[in-house]
Amino acid sequence: LDWRTEPFNPGLKVFAAGYPLNLDTDPLDADYTLTAGIV
């Protein structure tokens, strides 16, 4: 991935990516998750 270098203001649409444990108990079962929001 590249870093964003352009300036931005509150309201920019963003997405959080990662592997939260959620309801799983085995970390190997944690799924890739993407959630949406704004700055």
PDB file of all heavy atoms in Angstrom:
ATOM      1  N   LEU A   1       0.836  -1.199   0.000  1.00  0.00           N
ATOM      2  CA  LEU A   1       0.000   0.000   0.000  1.00  0.00           C
ATOM      3  C   LEU A   1       0.873   1.251   0.000  1.00  0.00           C
ATOM      4  O   LEU A   1       1.991   1.248   0.503  1.00  0.00           O
ATOM      5  CB  LEU A   1      -0.905   0.024   1.239  1.00  0.00           C
ATOM      6  CG  LEU A   1      -1.876  -1.150   1.409  1.00  0.00           C
ATOM      7  CD1 LEU A   1      -2.702  -0.951   2.682  1.00  0.00           C
ATOM      8  CD2 LEU A   1      -2.777  -1.302   0.199  1.00  0.00           C
ATOM      9  N   ASP A   2       0.307   2.338  -0.545  1.00  0.00           N
ATOM     10  CA  ASP A   2       0.950   3.648  -0.522  1.00  0.00           C
ATOM     11  C   ASP A   2       0.361   4.490   0.600  1.00  0.00           C
ATOM     12  O   ASP A   2      -0.812   4.339   0.982  1.00  0.00           O
ATOM     13  CB  ASP A   2       0.718   4.390  -1.843  1.00  0.00           C
ATOM     14  CG  ASP A   2       1.647   3.905  -2.948  1.00  0.00           C
ATOM     15  OD1 ASP A   2       2.823   3.645  -2.656  1.00  0.00           O
ATOM     16  OD2 ASP A   2       1.181   3.785  -4.093  1.00  0.00           O
ATOM     17  N   TRP A   3       1.159   5.416   1.127  1.00  0.00           N
ATOM     18  CA  TRP A   3       0.655   6.416   2.057  1.00  0.00           C
ATOM     19  C   TRP A   3      -0.081   7.496   1.273  1.00  0.00           C
ATOM     20  O   TRP A   3       0.355   7.902   0.199  1.00  0.00           O
ATOM     21  CB  TRP A   3       1.798   7.069   2.828  1.00  0.00           C
ATOM     22  CG  TRP A   3       2.632   6.146   3.657  1.00  0.00           C
ATOM     23  CD1 TRP A   3       3.859   5.645   3.337  1.00  0.00           C
ATOM     24  CD2 TRP A   3       2.314   5.627   4.940  1.00  0.00           C
ATOM     25  NE1 TRP A   3       4.331   4.844   4.343  1.00  0.00           N
ATOM     26  CE2 TRP A   3       3.402   4.811   5.352  1.00  0.00           C
ATOM     27  CE3 TRP A   3       1.219   5.764   5.804  1.00  0.00           C
ATOM     28  CZ2 TRP A   3       3.427   4.145   6.571  1.00  0.00           C
ATOM     29  CZ3 TRP A   3       1.235   5.100   7.026  1.00  0.00           C
ATOM     30  CH2 TRP A   3       2.337   4.299   7.405  1.00  0.00           C
ATOM     31  N   ARG A   4      -1.174   7.990   1.797  1.00  0.00           N
ATOM     32  CA  ARG A   4      -1.843   9.144   1.193  1.00  0.00           C
ATOM     33  C   ARG A   4      -1.041  10.395   1.536  1.00  0.00           C
ATOM     34  O   ARG A   4      -0.733  10.652   2.707  1.00  0.00           O
ATOM     35  CB  ARG A   4      -3.271   9.277   1.705  1.00  0.00           C
ATOM     36  CG  ARG A   4      -3.996  10.505   1.132  1.00  0.00           C
ATOM     37  CD  ARG A   4      -5.351  10.714   1.782  1.00  0.00           C
ATOM     38  NE  ARG A   4      -5.938  11.981   1.379  1.00  0.00           N
ATOM     39  CZ  ARG A   4      -6.948  12.123   0.531  1.00  0.00           C
ATOM     40  NH1 ARG A   4      -7.505  11.031   0.002  1.00  0.00           N
ATOM     41  NH2 ARG A   4      -7.426  13.323   0.221  1.00  0.00           N
ATOM     42  N   THR A   5      -0.724  11.200   0.539  1.00  0.00           N
ATOM     43  CA  THR A   5       0.046  12.421   0.750  1.00  0.00           C
ATOM     44  C   THR A   5      -0.803  13.677   0.569  1.00  0.00           C
ATOM     45  O   THR A   5      -0.387  14.759   0.984  1.00  0.00           O
ATOM     46  CB  THR A   5       1.241  12.481  -0.214  1.00  0.00           C
ATOM     47  OG1 THR A   5       0.771  12.399  -1.564  1.00  0.00           O
ATOM     48  CG2 THR A   5       2.207  11.329   0.069  1.00  0.00           C
ATOM     49  N   GLU A   6      -2.004  13.555  -0.046  1.00  0.00           N
ATOM     50  CA  GLU A   6      -2.846  14.719  -0.250  1.00  0.00           C
ATOM     51  C   GLU A   6      -3.513  15.128   1.058  1.00  0.00           C
ATOM     52  O   GLU A   6      -3.928  14.288   1.847  1.00  0.00           O
ATOM     53  CB  GLU A   6      -3.927  14.439  -1.299  1.00  0.00           C
ATOM     54  CG  GLU A   6      -3.399  14.143  -2.688  1.00  0.00           C
ATOM     55  CD  GLU A   6      -2.977  12.692  -2.842  1.00  0.00           C
ATOM     56  OE1 GLU A   6      -3.174  11.920  -1.877  1.00  0.00           O
ATOM     57  OE2 GLU A   6      -2.432  12.358  -3.903  1.00  0.00           O
ATOM     58  N   PRO A   7      -3.638  16.432   1.316  1.00  0.00           N
ATOM     59  CA  PRO A   7      -4.345  16.883   2.518  1.00  0.00           C
ATOM     60  C   PRO A   7      -5.825  16.525   2.433  1.00  0.00           C
ATOM     61  O   PRO A   7      -6.360  16.291   1.347  1.00  0.00           O
ATOM     62  CB  PRO A   7      -4.137  18.403   2.502  1.00  0.00           C
ATOM     63  CG  PRO A   7      -3.883  18.743   1.080  1.00  0.00           C
ATOM     64  CD  PRO A   7      -3.159  17.566   0.495  1.00  0.00           C
ATOM     65  N   PHE A   8      -6.484  16.489   3.575  1.00  0.00           N
ATOM     66  CA  PHE A   8      -7.913  16.157   3.594  1.00  0.00           C
ATOM     67  C   PHE A   8      -8.558  16.869   4.770  1.00  0.00           C
ATOM     68  O   PHE A   8      -7.894  17.350   5.683  1.00  0.00           O
ATOM     69  CB  PHE A   8      -8.118  14.642   3.696  1.00  0.00           C
ATOM     70  CG  PHE A   8      -7.488  14.017   4.917  1.00  0.00           C
ATOM     71  CD1 PHE A   8      -8.184  13.926   6.125  1.00  0.00           C
ATOM     72  CD2 PHE A   8      -6.200  13.524   4.867  1.00  0.00           C
ATOM     73  CE1 PHE A   8      -7.609  13.376   7.241  1.00  0.00           C
ATOM     74  CE2 PHE A   8      -5.613  12.955   5.992  1.00  0.00           C
ATOM     75  CZ  PHE A   8      -6.312  12.883   7.174  1.00  0.00           C
ATOM     76  N   ASN A   9      -9.872  16.912   4.743  1.00  0.00           N
ATOM     77  CA  ASN A   9     -10.652  17.558   5.782  1.00  0.00           C
ATOM     78  C   ASN A   9     -11.598  16.556   6.429  1.00  0.00           C
ATOM     79  O   ASN A   9     -11.844  15.479   5.871  1.00  0.00           O
ATOM     80  CB  ASN A   9     -11.467  18.720   5.190  1.00  0.00           C
ATOM     81  CG  ASN A   9     -10.592  19.826   4.642  1.00  0.00           C
ATOM     82  OD1 ASN A   9      -9.643  20.248   5.299  1.00  0.00           O
ATOM     83  ND2 ASN A   9     -10.913  20.295   3.439  1.00  0.00           N
ATOM     84  N   PRO A  10     -12.165  16.895   7.591  1.00  0.00           N
ATOM     85  CA  PRO A  10     -13.218  16.047   8.148  1.00  0.00           C
ATOM     86  C   PRO A  10     -14.314  15.811   7.118  1.00  0.00           C
ATOM     87  O   PRO A  10     -14.675  16.713   6.350  1.00  0.00           O
ATOM     88  CB  PRO A  10     -13.735  16.871   9.342  1.00  0.00           C
ATOM     89  CG  PRO A  10     -12.545  17.665   9.772  1.00  0.00           C
ATOM     90  CD  PRO A  10     -11.840  18.025   8.499  1.00  0.00           C
ATOM     91  N   GLY A  11     -14.811  14.591   7.089  1.00  0.00           N
ATOM     92  CA  GLY A  11     -15.795  14.204   6.086  1.00  0.00           C
ATOM     93  C   GLY A  11     -15.231  13.279   5.032  1.00  0.00           C
ATOM     94  O   GLY A  11     -15.992  12.663   4.268  1.00  0.00           O
ATOM     95  N   LEU A  12     -13.894  13.152   4.963  1.00  0.00           N
ATOM     96  CA  LEU A  12     -13.286  12.222   4.009  1.00  0.00           C
ATOM     97  C   LEU A  12     -13.782  10.811   4.286  1.00  0.00           C
ATOM     98  O   LEU A  12     -13.757  10.337   5.422  1.00  0.00           O
ATOM     99  CB  LEU A  12     -11.767  12.265   4.123  1.00  0.00           C
ATOM    100  CG  LEU A  12     -11.005  11.283   3.220  1.00  0.00           C
ATOM    101  CD1 LEU A  12     -11.064  11.731   1.761  1.00  0.00           C
ATOM    102  CD2 LEU A  12      -9.557  11.138   3.682  1.00  0.00           C
ATOM    103  N   LYS A  13     -14.240  10.118   3.249  1.00  0.00           N
ATOM    104  CA  LYS A  13     -14.698   8.745   3.404  1.00  0.00           C
ATOM    105  C   LYS A  13     -13.498   7.821   3.599  1.00  0.00           C
ATOM    106  O   LYS A  13     -12.528   7.885   2.834  1.00  0.00           O
ATOM    107  CB  LYS A  13     -15.498   8.304   2.179  1.00  0.00           C
ATOM    108  CG  LYS A  13     -16.228   6.976   2.381  1.00  0.00           C
ATOM    109  CD  LYS A  13     -17.162   6.679   1.224  1.00  0.00           C
ATOM    110  CE  LYS A  13     -17.971   5.399   1.486  1.00  0.00           C
ATOM    111  NZ  LYS A  13     -18.914   5.105   0.374  1.00  0.00           N
ATOM    112  N   VAL A  14     -13.547   7.004   4.625  1.00  0.00           N
ATOM    113  CA  VAL A  14     -12.427   6.118   4.954  1.00  0.00           C
ATOM    114  C   VAL A  14     -12.938   4.716   5.281  1.00  0.00           C
ATOM    115  O   VAL A  14     -14.118   4.522   5.590  1.00  0.00           O
ATOM    116  CB  VAL A  14     -11.607   6.662   6.148  1.00  0.00           C
ATOM    117  CG1 VAL A  14     -10.828   7.907   5.762  1.00  0.00           C
ATOM    118  CG2 VAL A  14     -12.511   6.929   7.343  1.00  0.00           C
ATOM    119  N   PHE A  15     -11.987   3.764   5.241  1.00  0.00           N
ATOM    120  CA  PHE A  15     -12.296   2.362   5.513  1.00  0.00           C
ATOM    121  C   PHE A  15     -11.218   1.788   6.432  1.00  0.00           C
ATOM    122  O   PHE A  15     -10.034   2.035   6.219  1.00  0.00           O
ATOM    123  CB  PHE A  15     -12.341   1.565   4.205  1.00  0.00           C
ATOM    124  CG  PHE A  15     -13.266   2.143   3.173  1.00  0.00           C
ATOM    125  CD1 PHE A  15     -12.806   3.104   2.272  1.00  0.00           C
ATOM    126  CD2 PHE A  15     -14.587   1.751   3.118  1.00  0.00           C
ATOM    127  CE1 PHE A  15     -13.647   3.661   1.330  1.00  0.00           C
ATOM    128  CE2 PHE A  15     -15.443   2.299   2.170  1.00  0.00           C
ATOM    129  CZ  PHE A  15     -14.984   3.257   1.274  1.00  0.00           C
ATOM    130  N   ALA A  16     -11.657   1.053   7.440  1.00  0.00           N
ATOM    131  CA  ALA A  16     -10.730   0.422   8.386  1.00  0.00           C
ATOM    132  C   ALA A  16     -10.612  -1.058   8.052  1.00  0.00           C
ATOM    133  O   ALA A  16     -11.607  -1.790   8.074  1.00  0.00           O
ATOM    134  CB  ALA A  16     -11.220   0.595   9.825  1.00  0.00           C
ATOM    135  N   ALA A  17      -9.389  -1.500   7.763  1.00  0.00           N
ATOM    136  CA  ALA A  17      -9.141  -2.891   7.393  1.00  0.00           C
ATOM    137  C   ALA A  17      -8.376  -3.590   8.513  1.00  0.00           C
ATOM    138  O   ALA A  17      -7.543  -2.972   9.193  1.00  0.00           O
ATOM    139  CB  ALA A  17      -8.339  -2.966   6.091  1.00  0.00           C
ATOM    140  N   GLY A  18      -8.639  -4.866   8.702  1.00  0.00           N
ATOM    141  CA  GLY A  18      -7.909  -5.607   9.723  1.00  0.00           C
ATOM    142  C   GLY A  18      -8.506  -6.965   9.984  1.00  0.00           C
ATOM    143  O   GLY A  18      -9.411  -7.423   9.268  1.00  0.00           O
ATOM    144  N   TYR A  19      -8.000  -7.605  11.029  1.00  0.00           N
ATOM    145  CA  TYR A  19      -8.428  -8.950  11.405  1.00  0.00           C
ATOM    146  C   TYR A  19      -8.898  -8.972  12.860  1.00  0.00           C
ATOM    147  O   TYR A  19      -8.230  -9.514  13.741  1.00  0.00           O
ATOM    148  CB  TYR A  19      -7.281  -9.942  11.212  1.00  0.00           C
ATOM    149  CG  TYR A  19      -7.012 -10.280   9.764  1.00  0.00           C
ATOM    150  CD1 TYR A  19      -6.144  -9.509   9.001  1.00  0.00           C
ATOM    151  CD2 TYR A  19      -7.642 -11.357   9.154  1.00  0.00           C
ATOM    152  CE1 TYR A  19      -5.893  -9.805   7.670  1.00  0.00           C
ATOM    153  CE2 TYR A  19      -7.394 -11.671   7.817  1.00  0.00           C
ATOM    154  CZ  TYR A  19      -6.520 -10.889   7.079  1.00  0.00           C
ATOM    155  OH  TYR A  19      -6.286 -11.191   5.769  1.00  0.00           O
ATOM    156  N   PRO A  20     -10.053  -8.357  13.151  1.00  0.00           N
ATOM    157  CA  PRO A  20     -10.570  -8.408  14.528  1.00  0.00           C
ATOM    158  C   PRO A  20     -10.974  -9.824  14.885  1.00  0.00           C
ATOM    159  O   PRO A  20     -11.412 -10.599  14.029  1.00  0.00           O
ATOM    160  CB  PRO A  20     -11.776  -7.480  14.479  1.00  0.00           C
ATOM    161  CG  PRO A  20     -12.221  -7.528  13.051  1.00  0.00           C
ATOM    162  CD  PRO A  20     -10.955  -7.652  12.248  1.00  0.00           C
ATOM    163  N   LEU A  21     -10.828 -10.155  16.177  1.00  0.00           N
ATOM    164  CA  LEU A  21     -11.154 -11.511  16.617  1.00  0.00           C
ATOM    165  C   LEU A  21     -12.651 -11.759  16.552  1.00  0.00           C
ATOM    166  O   LEU A  21     -13.103 -12.881  16.323  1.00  0.00           O
ATOM    167  CB  LEU A  21     -10.645 -11.740  18.042  1.00  0.00           C
ATOM    168  CG  LEU A  21     -10.578 -13.185  18.514  1.00  0.00           C
ATOM    169  CD1 LEU A  21      -9.700 -14.022  17.607  1.00  0.00           C
ATOM    170  CD2 LEU A  21     -10.074 -13.253  19.949  1.00  0.00           C
ATOM    171  N   ASN A  22     -13.471 -10.703  16.761  1.00  0.00           N
ATOM    172  CA  ASN A  22     -14.919 -10.827  16.717  1.00  0.00           C
ATOM    173  C   ASN A  22     -15.395 -11.966  17.597  1.00  0.00           C
ATOM    174  O   ASN A  22     -14.993 -12.079  18.743  1.00  0.00           O
ATOM    175  CB  ASN A  22     -15.408 -10.974  15.277  1.00  0.00           C
ATOM    176  CG  ASN A  22     -15.239  -9.676  14.491  1.00  0.00           C
ATOM    177  OD1 ASN A  22     -15.236  -8.597  15.065  1.00  0.00           O
ATOM    178  ND2 ASN A  22     -15.077  -9.776  13.192  1.00  0.00           N
ATOM    179  N   LEU A  23     -16.220 -12.867  17.088  1.00  0.00           N
ATOM    180  CA  LEU A  23     -16.767 -13.950  17.895  1.00  0.00           C
ATOM    181  C   LEU A  23     -15.930 -15.214  17.832  1.00  0.00           C
ATOM    182  O   LEU A  23     -16.277 -16.223  18.450  1.00  0.00           O
ATOM    183  CB  LEU A  23     -18.209 -14.260  17.446  1.00  0.00           C
ATOM    184  CG  LEU A  23     -19.190 -13.089  17.555  1.00  0.00           C
ATOM    185  CD1 LEU A  23     -20.569 -13.525  17.063  1.00  0.00           C
ATOM    186  CD2 LEU A  23     -19.266 -12.576  18.981  1.00  0.00           C
ATOM    187  N   ASP A  24     -14.851 -15.194  17.083  1.00  0.00           N
ATOM    188  CA  ASP A  24     -13.992 -16.376  16.983  1.00  0.00           C
ATOM    189  C   ASP A  24     -13.154 -16.523  18.250  1.00  0.00           C
ATOM    190  O   ASP A  24     -12.854 -15.556  18.937  1.00  0.00           O
ATOM    191  CB  ASP A  24     -13.055 -16.259  15.778  1.00  0.00           C
ATOM    192  CG  ASP A  24     -13.809 -16.178  14.468  1.00  0.00           C
ATOM    193  OD1 ASP A  24     -14.676 -17.024  14.238  1.00  0.00           O
ATOM    194  OD2 ASP A  24     -13.536 -15.230  13.696  1.00  0.00           O
ATOM    195  N   THR A  25     -12.774 -17.744  18.570  1.00  0.00           N
ATOM    196  CA  THR A  25     -11.881 -17.987  19.695  1.00  0.00           C
ATOM    197  C   THR A  25     -10.488 -18.394  19.233  1.00  0.00           C
ATOM    198  O   THR A  25      -9.538 -18.289  19.987  1.00  0.00           O
ATOM    199  CB  THR A  25     -12.446 -19.093  20.611  1.00  0.00           C
ATOM    200  OG1 THR A  25     -12.655 -20.283  19.839  1.00  0.00           O
ATOM    201  CG2 THR A  25     -13.768 -18.650  21.228  1.00  0.00           C
ATOM    202  N   ASP A  26     -10.374 -18.885  18.007  1.00  0.00           N
ATOM    203  CA  ASP A  26      -9.089 -19.263  17.437  1.00  0.00           C
ATOM    204  C   ASP A  26      -8.634 -18.138  16.507  1.00  0.00           C
ATOM    205  O   ASP A  26      -9.345 -17.789  15.565  1.00  0.00           O
ATOM    206  CB  ASP A  26      -9.227 -20.570  16.657  1.00  0.00           C
ATOM    207  CG  ASP A  26      -7.885 -21.107  16.172  1.00  0.00           C
ATOM    208  OD1 ASP A  26      -6.927 -20.311  16.066  1.00  0.00           O
ATOM    209  OD2 ASP A  26      -7.796 -22.311  15.890  1.00  0.00           O
ATOM    210  N   PRO A  27      -7.464 -17.545  16.760  1.00  0.00           N
ATOM    211  CA  PRO A  27      -7.022 -16.435  15.910  1.00  0.00           C
ATOM    212  C   PRO A  27      -6.890 -16.817  14.451  1.00  0.00           C
ATOM    213  O   PRO A  27      -7.031 -15.960  13.576  1.00  0.00           O
ATOM    214  CB  PRO A  27      -5.669 -16.046  16.513  1.00  0.00           C
ATOM    215  CG  PRO A  27      -5.218 -17.249  17.276  1.00  0.00           C
ATOM    216  CD  PRO A  27      -6.471 -17.880  17.797  1.00  0.00           C
ATOM    217  N   LEU A  28      -6.628 -18.075  14.171  1.00  0.00           N
ATOM    218  CA  LEU A  28      -6.513 -18.496  12.780  1.00  0.00           C
ATOM    219  C   LEU A  28      -7.844 -18.380  12.047  1.00  0.00           C
ATOM    220  O   LEU A  28      -7.884 -18.328  10.823  1.00  0.00           O
ATOM    221  CB  LEU A  28      -5.991 -19.935  12.705  1.00  0.00           C
ATOM    222  CG  LEU A  28      -4.543 -20.149  13.152  1.00  0.00           C
ATOM    223  CD1 LEU A  28      -4.181 -21.620  13.081  1.00  0.00           C
ATOM    224  CD2 LEU A  28      -3.589 -19.322  12.312  1.00  0.00           C
ATOM    225  N   ASP A  29      -8.954 -18.333  12.817  1.00  0.00           N
ATOM    226  CA  ASP A  29     -10.279 -18.217  12.202  1.00  0.00           C
ATOM    227  C   ASP A  29     -10.699 -16.770  11.985  1.00  0.00           C
ATOM    228  O   ASP A  29     -11.749 -16.517  11.388  1.00  0.00           O
ATOM    229  CB  ASP A  29     -11.327 -18.911  13.076  1.00  0.00           C
ATOM    230  CG  ASP A  29     -11.117 -20.418  13.135  1.00  0.00           C
ATOM    231  OD1 ASP A  29     -10.541 -20.970  12.180  1.00  0.00           O
ATOM    232  OD2 ASP A  29     -11.526 -21.031  14.140  1.00  0.00           O
ATOM    233  N   ALA A  30      -9.922 -15.809  12.500  1.00  0.00           N
ATOM    234  CA  ALA A  30     -10.294 -14.398  12.352  1.00  0.00           C
ATOM    235  C   ALA A  30     -10.288 -14.021  10.871  1.00  0.00           C
ATOM    236  O   ALA A  30      -9.324 -14.278  10.152  1.00  0.00           O
ATOM    237  CB  ALA A  30      -9.341 -13.509  13.131  1.00  0.00           C
ATOM    238  N   ASP A  31     -11.371 -13.410  10.420  1.00  0.00           N
ATOM    239  CA  ASP A  31     -11.531 -13.063   9.010  1.00  0.00           C
ATOM    240  C   ASP A  31     -11.131 -11.618   8.732  1.00  0.00           C
ATOM    241  O   ASP A  31     -11.247 -10.748   9.601  1.00  0.00           O
ATOM    242  CB  ASP A  31     -12.982 -13.264   8.580  1.00  0.00           C
ATOM    243  CG  ASP A  31     -13.419 -14.717   8.654  1.00  0.00           C
ATOM    244  OD1 ASP A  31     -12.605 -15.593   8.326  1.00  0.00           O
ATOM    245  OD2 ASP A  31     -14.577 -14.965   9.050  1.00  0.00           O
ATOM    246  N   TYR A  32     -10.708 -11.388   7.515  1.00  0.00           N
ATOM    247  CA  TYR A  32     -10.455 -10.019   7.063  1.00  0.00           C
ATOM    248  C   TYR A  32     -11.757  -9.238   7.104  1.00  0.00           C
ATOM    249  O   TYR A  32     -12.806  -9.703   6.654  1.00  0.00           O
ATOM    250  CB  TYR A  32      -9.897 -10.035   5.642  1.00  0.00           C
ATOM    251  CG  TYR A  32      -9.769  -8.667   5.021  1.00  0.00           C
ATOM    252  CD1 TYR A  32      -8.740  -7.815   5.390  1.00  0.00           C
ATOM    253  CD2 TYR A  32     -10.695  -8.221   4.072  1.00  0.00           C
ATOM    254  CE1 TYR A  32      -8.619  -6.550   4.827  1.00  0.00           C
ATOM    255  CE2 TYR A  32     -10.586  -6.962   3.497  1.00  0.00           C
ATOM    256  CZ  TYR A  32      -9.540  -6.138   3.882  1.00  0.00           C
ATOM    257  OH  TYR A  32      -9.433  -4.888   3.324  1.00  0.00           O
ATOM    258  N   THR A  33     -11.691  -8.042   7.676  1.00  0.00           N
ATOM    259  CA  THR A  33     -12.894  -7.220   7.851  1.00  0.00           C
ATOM    260  C   THR A  33     -12.621  -5.806   7.366  1.00  0.00           C
ATOM    261  O   THR A  33     -11.537  -5.261   7.569  1.00  0.00           O
ATOM    262  CB  THR A  33     -13.312  -7.186   9.336  1.00  0.00           C
ATOM    263  OG1 THR A  33     -13.580  -8.521   9.771  1.00  0.00           O
ATOM    264  CG2 THR A  33     -14.553  -6.346   9.540  1.00  0.00           C
ATOM    265  N   LEU A  34     -13.628  -5.211   6.721  1.00  0.00           N
ATOM    266  CA  LEU A  34     -13.531  -3.844   6.242  1.00  0.00           C
ATOM    267  C   LEU A  34     -14.789  -3.103   6.688  1.00  0.00           C
ATOM    268  O   LEU A  34     -15.904  -3.563   6.458  1.00  0.00           O
ATOM    269  CB  LEU A  34     -13.420  -3.824   4.716  1.00  0.00           C
ATOM    270  CG  LEU A  34     -12.957  -2.522   4.071  1.00  0.00           C
ATOM    271  CD1 LEU A  34     -11.510  -2.247   4.418  1.00  0.00           C
ATOM    272  CD2 LEU A  34     -13.132  -2.596   2.559  1.00  0.00           C
ATOM    273  N   THR A  35     -14.598  -1.979   7.377  1.00  0.00           N
ATOM    274  CA  THR A  35     -15.736  -1.171   7.807  1.00  0.00           C
ATOM    275  C   THR A  35     -15.577   0.238   7.263  1.00  0.00           C
ATOM    276  O   THR A  35     -14.458   0.709   7.032  1.00  0.00           O
ATOM    277  CB  THR A  35     -15.845  -1.121   9.340  1.00  0.00           C
ATOM    278  OG1 THR A  35     -14.622  -0.603   9.884  1.00  0.00           O
ATOM    279  CG2 THR A  35     -16.088  -2.507   9.914  1.00  0.00           C
ATOM    280  N   ALA A  36     -16.699   0.939   7.075  1.00  0.00           N
ATOM    281  CA  ALA A  36     -16.687   2.248   6.427  1.00  0.00           C
ATOM    282  C   ALA A  36     -17.090   3.344   7.393  1.00  0.00           C
ATOM    283  O   ALA A  36     -17.832   3.120   8.358  1.00  0.00           O
ATOM    284  CB  ALA A  36     -17.635   2.247   5.232  1.00  0.00           C
ATOM    285  N   GLY A  37     -16.594   4.559   7.140  1.00  0.00           N
ATOM    286  CA  GLY A  37     -16.962   5.715   7.936  1.00  0.00           C
ATOM    287  C   GLY A  37     -16.374   6.961   7.326  1.00  0.00           C
ATOM    288  O   GLY A  37     -15.999   6.974   6.145  1.00  0.00           O
ATOM    289  N   ILE A  38     -16.295   8.022   8.128  1.00  0.00           N
ATOM    290  CA  ILE A  38     -15.687   9.266   7.674  1.00  0.00           C
ATOM    291  C   ILE A  38     -14.718   9.767   8.736  1.00  0.00           C
ATOM    292  O   ILE A  38     -14.798   9.384   9.908  1.00  0.00           O
ATOM    293  CB  ILE A  38     -16.739  10.356   7.383  1.00  0.00           C
ATOM    294  CG1 ILE A  38     -17.511  10.705   8.650  1.00  0.00           C
ATOM    295  CG2 ILE A  38     -17.660   9.932   6.254  1.00  0.00           C
ATOM    296  CD1 ILE A  38     -18.407  11.917   8.500  1.00  0.00           C
ATOM    297  N   VAL A  39     -13.805  10.622   8.324  1.00  0.00           N
ATOM    298  CA  VAL A  39     -12.923  11.293   9.271  1.00  0.00           C
ATOM    299  C   VAL A  39     -13.749  12.319  10.036  1.00  0.00           C
ATOM    300  O   VAL A  39     -14.470  13.126   9.447  1.00  0.00           O
ATOM    301  CB  VAL A  39     -11.762  11.984   8.537  1.00  0.00           C
ATOM    302  CG1 VAL A  39     -10.986  12.887   9.490  1.00  0.00           C
ATOM    303  CG2 VAL A  39     -10.836  10.944   7.918  1.00  0.00           C
TER     304      VAL A  39
END
